[in-house]
Amino acid sequence: MPVSAPYILGVPPFLAQDKTLIDLQKNKALDLEAFLKMFTTQLQHQDPMNPLKSHELAAQLAQFSTVEQLIRANQYLEEGAKYLFSINNLETVELIDKYVKGFTDVIVVKDGAPKDLNFTLDTGGVVTVNIYDQSGKLIRVLDKGKVDRGSHAIGWDGLDNQGRRVPDGDYRVEVVVVTESGRRQVIYPDAKGKATSLRFVNGLPYLVLDNDEGLKMPAGYVIQIWSDDPVKTSGSQSNI
C-alpha cells in the first residue's frame, strides 16, 4: 500500500542527521559576525568626499538588527524542534508490548540472508524494488516487471548489483510502481508484529518487532495498534 506521507518525522532515516533543516537554512544567509564585518569594512572604505548619508546608515543598522533577531528566532526554533522530537519519542515508548501494523523501509540481512518482506499493491503496474545501504547508495535494483494487485514478496537474494553478497545489517528498501495510467508511486513493504523495544536509527525512532533481531518499523509508519495479539483475540484496537 502507498504511504501518503513517508518520513513523517521530516527526515529520511538514512540521511546524515548532523545538520538540521534550520542549520542548512542558516548556511544560506550571512550570520551576525559576517554582517558586522561587512558593515565595518564598508565604513572604513567609504569615499570621504561622499560619506554615507544618515538615512543610509540607519537603514543598514536596521538590517543589522533584523539579522540579529532572525538568528535568535532560529535558535528558538531549534530548541522547539528538539522539544517536539522528545515528545514524539516519549509517545513512541508507549507502543512497546503492543501489537502494531504498518509499513517499514528497512530490510534486515542476517547471516547473509535478507529477512523476506511483502508489499501490497492496490492496483497493478510495473514494479522496481530499490535497495540502499546506510549511506544512501543504491546497491541493488530488482526489476519485478508487470505485477498484479495483491501481496507480493520482495524476493531479494542478498546480493548487490555486481553479484557480491552484502554484509549483515540494515538496508533501506522502497518499491516503485508505475501504474497502467503512467502514475509513479513509491510504496513500502508491510510490517506487523509485537513491539518489543525501541531503537534509534540515525536519530529517528524505530520499533523493533517480535525480538531484538526482528523487523524494524519507523514509528511514523504505524497505522494500527492492538493491545492483544489480533490472531488470538479480537481485543481492543485503534487506527491512526
Foldseek 3Di string as FASTA:
>chain_A
DFDPDPPPLPDDQLEADPADPLNVVVVVDDALVRLVVVVVVCQVPPDPVDHDDPVRVVVSVVVSVVRVVVVVVSVVVVVVSVVVLVVVVVVLQVQAQWKFKFFAFKWWADPLATDKFKAFFPAKFFKKKWKAASNRHTFAIDGPGTDGGGIDIPPDGQAGPVRHHDDTDMITMWMWGQHPVRDIGIHGTIDIAHFNDWDRRSRFIWGAGDDPRHDTHGPVGTFKIFNDDVVVDVGDMDGD
